[in-house]
Amino acid sequence: MVDALAHELPQEVGDFALLLDSGFSRSRALLWNLLSGAATIPGAILAYMTLGSLQGIMGPVLGLAAASFIYIGLADLVPGLHRRIGPDPGFAQFLLMLAGIGTILGLQLSFG
């Protein structure tokens, strides 16, 4: 439960921030964030029903998913960080990265 919360809470906050940064209003960003989150339940049910029969292609599918996340990080998020040049945004980004690493380390040490 703690693992899911430690992943999902920052994920949803990050999604919300990306939507705001893309020009969405707060209410529109919240609506789209809620709709995308609601798609998790049917997706989980579908995955539960079908993954047993798809074990043979699990490796390539997971590789494709990992490559997609790396592409998103490199192509979309990193250039956005570089547009915010200066000591204040850079220091804030560094502190937030340290906070993320500290959170993961703290949870790992607490819950193993």
N, C-alpha and C. Protein backbone atom coordinates (compact mmCIF):
# COMPACT_ATOMS: atom_id res chain seq x y z
N MET A 1 0.82 -1.19 0.00
CA MET A 1 0.00 0.00 0.00
C MET A 1 0.87 1.26 0.00
N VAL A 2 1.91 1.26 0.86
CA VAL A 2 2.79 2.43 0.93
C VAL A 2 3.54 2.60 -0.38
N ASP A 3 3.95 1.48 -1.00
CA ASP A 3 4.65 1.56 -2.28
C ASP A 3 3.77 2.21 -3.34
N ALA A 4 2.50 1.80 -3.39
CA ALA A 4 1.59 2.37 -4.38
C ALA A 4 1.38 3.85 -4.13
N LEU A 5 1.21 4.24 -2.87
CA LEU A 5 1.02 5.65 -2.54
C LEU A 5 2.27 6.46 -2.85
N ALA A 6 3.44 5.89 -2.53
CA ALA A 6 4.70 6.59 -2.79
C ALA A 6 4.94 6.77 -4.28
N HIS A 7 4.35 5.93 -5.10
CA HIS A 7 4.48 6.08 -6.56
C HIS A 7 3.37 6.97 -7.11
N GLU A 8 2.14 6.69 -6.73
CA GLU A 8 1.00 7.35 -7.37
C GLU A 8 0.86 8.83 -7.00
N LEU A 9 1.11 9.17 -5.76
CA LEU A 9 0.95 10.57 -5.36
C LEU A 9 1.88 11.49 -6.14
N PRO A 10 3.20 11.23 -6.17
CA PRO A 10 4.06 12.10 -6.99
C PRO A 10 3.73 12.01 -8.48
N GLN A 11 3.29 10.84 -8.93
CA GLN A 11 2.92 10.68 -10.35
C GLN A 11 1.76 11.61 -10.71
N GLU A 12 0.73 11.62 -9.88
CA GLU A 12 -0.44 12.45 -10.17
C GLU A 12 -0.11 13.94 -10.04
N VAL A 13 0.69 14.30 -9.05
CA VAL A 13 1.10 15.70 -8.91
C VAL A 13 1.93 16.12 -10.11
N GLY A 14 2.83 15.25 -10.56
CA GLY A 14 3.62 15.55 -11.75
C GLY A 14 2.78 15.68 -13.00
N ASP A 15 1.81 14.78 -13.16
CA ASP A 15 0.91 14.88 -14.31
C ASP A 15 0.14 16.20 -14.28
N PHE A 16 -0.35 16.56 -13.11
CA PHE A 16 -1.09 17.82 -12.96
C PHE A 16 -0.20 19.01 -13.31
N ALA A 17 1.04 19.00 -12.84
CA ALA A 17 1.98 20.09 -13.14
C ALA A 17 2.28 20.17 -14.63
N LEU A 18 2.43 19.02 -15.28
CA LEU A 18 2.69 19.02 -16.72
C LEU A 18 1.50 19.58 -17.50
N LEU A 19 0.29 19.22 -17.06
CA LEU A 19 -0.89 19.77 -17.73
C LEU A 19 -0.97 21.28 -17.54
N LEU A 20 -0.68 21.76 -16.35
CA LEU A 20 -0.67 23.21 -16.12
C LEU A 20 0.39 23.88 -16.97
N ASP A 21 1.58 23.28 -17.04
CA ASP A 21 2.67 23.84 -17.83
C ASP A 21 2.35 23.84 -19.32
N SER A 22 1.46 22.94 -19.74
CA SER A 22 1.07 22.87 -21.15
C SER A 22 -0.03 23.86 -21.50
N GLY A 23 -0.49 24.64 -20.52
CA GLY A 23 -1.48 25.67 -20.81
C GLY A 23 -2.88 25.35 -20.36
N PHE A 24 -3.10 24.22 -19.70
CA PHE A 24 -4.42 23.89 -19.19
C PHE A 24 -4.74 24.78 -18.00
N SER A 25 -6.02 25.13 -17.85
CA SER A 25 -6.44 25.81 -16.62
C SER A 25 -6.42 24.79 -15.48
N ARG A 26 -6.47 25.27 -14.24
CA ARG A 26 -6.43 24.35 -13.10
C ARG A 26 -7.60 23.36 -13.13
N SER A 27 -8.79 23.85 -13.43
CA SER A 27 -9.96 22.95 -13.43
C SER A 27 -9.89 21.96 -14.58
N ARG A 28 -9.44 22.41 -15.74
CA ARG A 28 -9.32 21.50 -16.88
C ARG A 28 -8.21 20.46 -16.64
N ALA A 29 -7.09 20.90 -16.06
CA ALA A 29 -6.00 19.97 -15.74
C ALA A 29 -6.46 18.93 -14.73
N LEU A 30 -7.21 19.36 -13.72
CA LEU A 30 -7.73 18.42 -12.72
C LEU A 30 -8.69 17.42 -13.35
N LEU A 31 -9.57 17.90 -14.23
CA LEU A 31 -10.51 17.01 -14.90
C LEU A 31 -9.78 15.96 -15.74
N TRP A 32 -8.82 16.38 -16.55
CA TRP A 32 -8.11 15.42 -17.40
C TRP A 32 -7.24 14.47 -16.57
N ASN A 33 -6.70 14.98 -15.47
CA ASN A 33 -5.91 14.12 -14.58
C ASN A 33 -6.80 13.07 -13.93
N LEU A 34 -8.00 13.45 -13.52
CA LEU A 34 -8.94 12.49 -12.94
C LEU A 34 -9.40 11.46 -13.97
N LEU A 35 -9.66 11.91 -15.19
CA LEU A 35 -10.09 10.98 -16.23
C LEU A 35 -8.99 9.98 -16.59
N SER A 36 -7.76 10.46 -16.67
CA SER A 36 -6.67 9.53 -16.98
C SER A 36 -6.44 8.56 -15.83
N GLY A 37 -6.59 9.02 -14.61
CA GLY A 37 -6.45 8.13 -13.46
C GLY A 37 -7.56 7.10 -13.38
N ALA A 38 -8.77 7.49 -13.80
CA ALA A 38 -9.90 6.57 -13.77
C ALA A 38 -9.73 5.44 -14.79
N ALA A 39 -8.92 5.65 -15.81
CA ALA A 39 -8.68 4.61 -16.81
C ALA A 39 -7.84 3.47 -16.23
N THR A 40 -7.25 3.67 -15.07
CA THR A 40 -6.42 2.64 -14.44
C THR A 40 -7.23 1.41 -14.08
N ILE A 41 -8.41 1.60 -13.58
CA ILE A 41 -9.22 0.47 -13.10
C ILE A 41 -9.61 -0.47 -14.24
N PRO A 42 -10.21 0.02 -15.33
CA PRO A 42 -10.49 -0.92 -16.43
C PRO A 42 -9.22 -1.53 -17.02
N GLY A 43 -8.14 -0.74 -17.06
CA GLY A 43 -6.87 -1.28 -17.57
C GLY A 43 -6.33 -2.40 -16.70
N ALA A 44 -6.44 -2.25 -15.39
CA ALA A 44 -5.97 -3.29 -14.48
C ALA A 44 -6.81 -4.55 -14.62
N ILE A 45 -8.10 -4.40 -14.77
CA ILE A 45 -8.99 -5.56 -14.93
C ILE A 45 -8.66 -6.28 -16.24
N LEU A 46 -8.50 -5.53 -17.31
CA LEU A 46 -8.16 -6.13 -18.61
C LEU A 46 -6.81 -6.84 -18.54
N ALA A 47 -5.83 -6.21 -17.89
CA ALA A 47 -4.51 -6.82 -17.77
C ALA A 47 -4.59 -8.11 -16.95
N TYR A 48 -5.33 -8.10 -15.88
CA TYR A 48 -5.48 -9.29 -15.04
C TYR A 48 -6.07 -10.46 -15.82
N MET A 49 -7.03 -10.15 -16.69
CA MET A 49 -7.71 -11.20 -17.46
C MET A 49 -6.87 -11.72 -18.61
N THR A 50 -5.95 -10.93 -19.15
CA THR A 50 -5.25 -11.34 -20.37
C THR A 50 -3.77 -11.67 -20.19
N LEU A 51 -3.13 -11.19 -19.14
CA LEU A 51 -1.67 -11.35 -19.04
C LEU A 51 -1.23 -12.80 -18.88
N GLY A 52 -2.06 -13.65 -18.32
CA GLY A 52 -1.69 -15.05 -18.17
C GLY A 52 -1.42 -15.72 -19.50
N SER A 53 -2.16 -15.34 -20.53
CA SER A 53 -2.00 -15.96 -21.84
C SER A 53 -0.93 -15.28 -22.69
N LEU A 54 -0.34 -14.18 -22.19
CA LEU A 54 0.63 -13.43 -22.99
C LEU A 54 2.04 -13.48 -22.40
N GLN A 55 2.37 -14.49 -21.61
CA GLN A 55 3.67 -14.57 -20.96
C GLN A 55 4.82 -14.59 -21.96
N GLY A 56 4.61 -15.15 -23.13
CA GLY A 56 5.67 -15.27 -24.12
C GLY A 56 6.16 -13.95 -24.68
N ILE A 57 5.32 -12.93 -24.70
CA ILE A 57 5.73 -11.64 -25.26
C ILE A 57 5.95 -10.59 -24.18
N MET A 58 5.97 -11.00 -22.91
CA MET A 58 6.09 -10.05 -21.81
C MET A 58 7.41 -9.26 -21.88
N GLY A 59 8.52 -9.91 -22.18
CA GLY A 59 9.81 -9.23 -22.26
C GLY A 59 9.82 -8.10 -23.28
N PRO A 60 9.44 -8.37 -24.54
CA PRO A 60 9.42 -7.28 -25.52
C PRO A 60 8.43 -6.16 -25.17
N VAL A 61 7.30 -6.51 -24.59
CA VAL A 61 6.32 -5.49 -24.22
C VAL A 61 6.88 -4.60 -23.11
N LEU A 62 7.52 -5.19 -22.10
CA LEU A 62 8.11 -4.39 -21.03
C LEU A 62 9.27 -3.54 -21.56
N GLY A 63 10.05 -4.08 -22.50
CA GLY A 63 11.12 -3.29 -23.11
C GLY A 63 10.57 -2.09 -23.87
N LEU A 64 9.49 -2.28 -24.59
CA LEU A 64 8.85 -1.18 -25.32
C LEU A 64 8.31 -0.13 -24.36
N ALA A 65 7.71 -0.58 -23.26
CA ALA A 65 7.19 0.36 -22.27
C ALA A 65 8.32 1.16 -21.65
N ALA A 66 9.42 0.51 -21.29
CA ALA A 66 10.56 1.21 -20.70
C ALA A 66 11.15 2.21 -21.69
N ALA A 67 11.28 1.81 -22.94
CA ALA A 67 11.81 2.71 -23.96
C ALA A 67 10.90 3.93 -24.15
N SER A 68 9.60 3.73 -24.06
CA SER A 68 8.66 4.85 -24.19
C SER A 68 8.84 5.85 -23.07
N PHE A 69 9.01 5.37 -21.83
CA PHE A 69 9.21 6.28 -20.71
C PHE A 69 10.53 7.03 -20.83
N ILE A 70 11.57 6.36 -21.27
CA ILE A 70 12.86 7.03 -21.46
C ILE A 70 12.74 8.09 -22.55
N TYR A 71 12.04 7.77 -23.63
CA TYR A 71 11.84 8.75 -24.71
C TYR A 71 11.10 9.97 -24.21
N ILE A 72 10.03 9.76 -23.45
CA ILE A 72 9.25 10.89 -22.92
C ILE A 72 10.13 11.77 -22.04
N GLY A 73 10.92 11.12 -21.19
CA GLY A 73 11.79 11.89 -20.31
C GLY A 73 12.82 12.70 -21.06
N LEU A 74 13.41 12.10 -22.07
CA LEU A 74 14.47 12.79 -22.80
C LEU A 74 13.93 13.80 -23.81
N ALA A 75 12.86 13.48 -24.48
CA ALA A 75 12.38 14.34 -25.56
C ALA A 75 11.47 15.47 -25.07
N ASP A 76 10.72 15.23 -24.00
CA ASP A 76 9.73 16.23 -23.57
C ASP A 76 10.11 16.95 -22.28
N LEU A 77 10.53 16.21 -21.29
CA LEU A 77 10.73 16.82 -19.98
C LEU A 77 12.07 17.53 -19.83
N VAL A 78 13.14 16.93 -20.29
CA VAL A 78 14.47 17.53 -20.11
C VAL A 78 14.59 18.87 -20.84
N PRO A 79 14.14 19.00 -22.09
CA PRO A 79 14.21 20.33 -22.73
C PRO A 79 13.42 21.39 -21.97
N GLY A 80 12.31 21.00 -21.34
CA GLY A 80 11.55 21.95 -20.53
C GLY A 80 12.34 22.43 -19.33
N LEU A 81 13.14 21.55 -18.75
CA LEU A 81 13.98 21.94 -17.63
C LEU A 81 15.08 22.89 -18.08
N HIS A 82 15.60 22.70 -19.27
CA HIS A 82 16.69 23.54 -19.77
C HIS A 82 16.21 24.93 -20.16
N ARG A 83 14.92 25.10 -20.43
CA ARG A 83 14.40 26.43 -20.76
C ARG A 83 14.38 27.33 -19.53
N ARG A 84 14.32 26.75 -18.37
CA ARG A 84 14.30 27.52 -17.12
C ARG A 84 15.74 27.69 -16.64
N ILE A 85 16.44 28.60 -17.28
CA ILE A 85 17.86 28.80 -17.00
C ILE A 85 18.02 29.83 -15.89
N GLY A 86 18.98 29.62 -15.07
CA GLY A 86 19.28 30.56 -13.99
C GLY A 86 19.51 29.82 -12.69
N PRO A 87 20.10 30.50 -11.72
CA PRO A 87 20.43 29.81 -10.47
C PRO A 87 19.20 29.42 -9.65
N ASP A 88 18.17 30.26 -9.61
CA ASP A 88 17.01 29.94 -8.78
C ASP A 88 16.24 28.71 -9.28
N PRO A 89 15.84 28.66 -10.56
CA PRO A 89 15.16 27.44 -11.02
C PRO A 89 16.04 26.21 -10.96
N GLY A 90 17.34 26.38 -11.26
CA GLY A 90 18.26 25.24 -11.21
C GLY A 90 18.40 24.70 -9.80
N PHE A 91 18.50 25.60 -8.83
CA PHE A 91 18.62 25.18 -7.43
C PHE A 91 17.33 24.50 -6.97
N ALA A 92 16.18 25.04 -7.37
CA ALA A 92 14.89 24.44 -7.00
C ALA A 92 14.77 23.04 -7.61
N GLN A 93 15.17 22.88 -8.88
CA GLN A 93 15.13 21.57 -9.52
C GLN A 93 16.04 20.59 -8.79
N PHE A 94 17.22 21.04 -8.41
CA PHE A 94 18.17 20.19 -7.70
C PHE A 94 17.61 19.76 -6.35
N LEU A 95 17.00 20.70 -5.61
CA LEU A 95 16.40 20.36 -4.31
C LEU A 95 15.26 19.36 -4.46
N LEU A 96 14.44 19.54 -5.50
CA LEU A 96 13.33 18.61 -5.72
C LEU A 96 13.83 17.22 -6.09
N MET A 97 14.90 17.15 -6.88
CA MET A 97 15.49 15.85 -7.21
C MET A 97 16.04 15.18 -5.95
N LEU A 98 16.72 15.97 -5.10
CA LEU A 98 17.23 15.42 -3.84
C LEU A 98 16.09 14.95 -2.94
N ALA A 99 14.99 15.70 -2.92
CA ALA A 99 13.83 15.30 -2.11
C ALA A 99 13.27 13.98 -2.62
N GLY A 100 13.20 13.80 -3.93
CA GLY A 100 12.73 12.53 -4.49
C GLY A 100 13.63 11.38 -4.13
N ILE A 101 14.94 11.59 -4.26
CA ILE A 101 15.90 10.55 -3.91
C ILE A 101 15.82 10.24 -2.42
N GLY A 102 15.69 11.29 -1.59
CA GLY A 102 15.57 11.09 -0.15
C GLY A 102 14.31 10.34 0.23
N THR A 103 13.22 10.62 -0.45
CA THR A 103 11.96 9.91 -0.18
C THR A 103 12.10 8.43 -0.51
N ILE A 104 12.68 8.13 -1.66
CA ILE A 104 12.87 6.73 -2.05
C ILE A 104 13.80 6.03 -1.06
N LEU A 105 14.89 6.68 -0.70
CA LEU A 105 15.83 6.09 0.25
C LEU A 105 15.17 5.86 1.61
N GLY A 106 14.42 6.86 2.09
CA GLY A 106 13.73 6.72 3.37
C GLY A 106 12.73 5.59 3.37
N LEU A 107 11.95 5.46 2.31
CA LEU A 107 10.98 4.36 2.23
C LEU A 107 11.68 3.02 2.13
N GLN A 108 12.77 2.99 1.39
CA GLN A 108 13.52 1.72 1.25
C GLN A 108 14.09 1.29 2.60
N LEU A 109 14.64 2.23 3.34
CA LEU A 109 15.20 1.90 4.65
C LEU A 109 14.11 1.54 5.67
N SER A 110 12.97 2.19 5.55
CA SER A 110 11.88 1.93 6.50
C SER A 110 11.16 0.62 6.25
N PHE A 111 10.90 0.32 4.97
CA PHE A 111 10.06 -0.82 4.63
C PHE A 111 10.82 -1.95 3.92
N GLY A 112 12.08 -1.70 3.59
CA GLY A 112 12.91 -2.73 2.98
C GLY A 112 12.40 -3.15 1.67
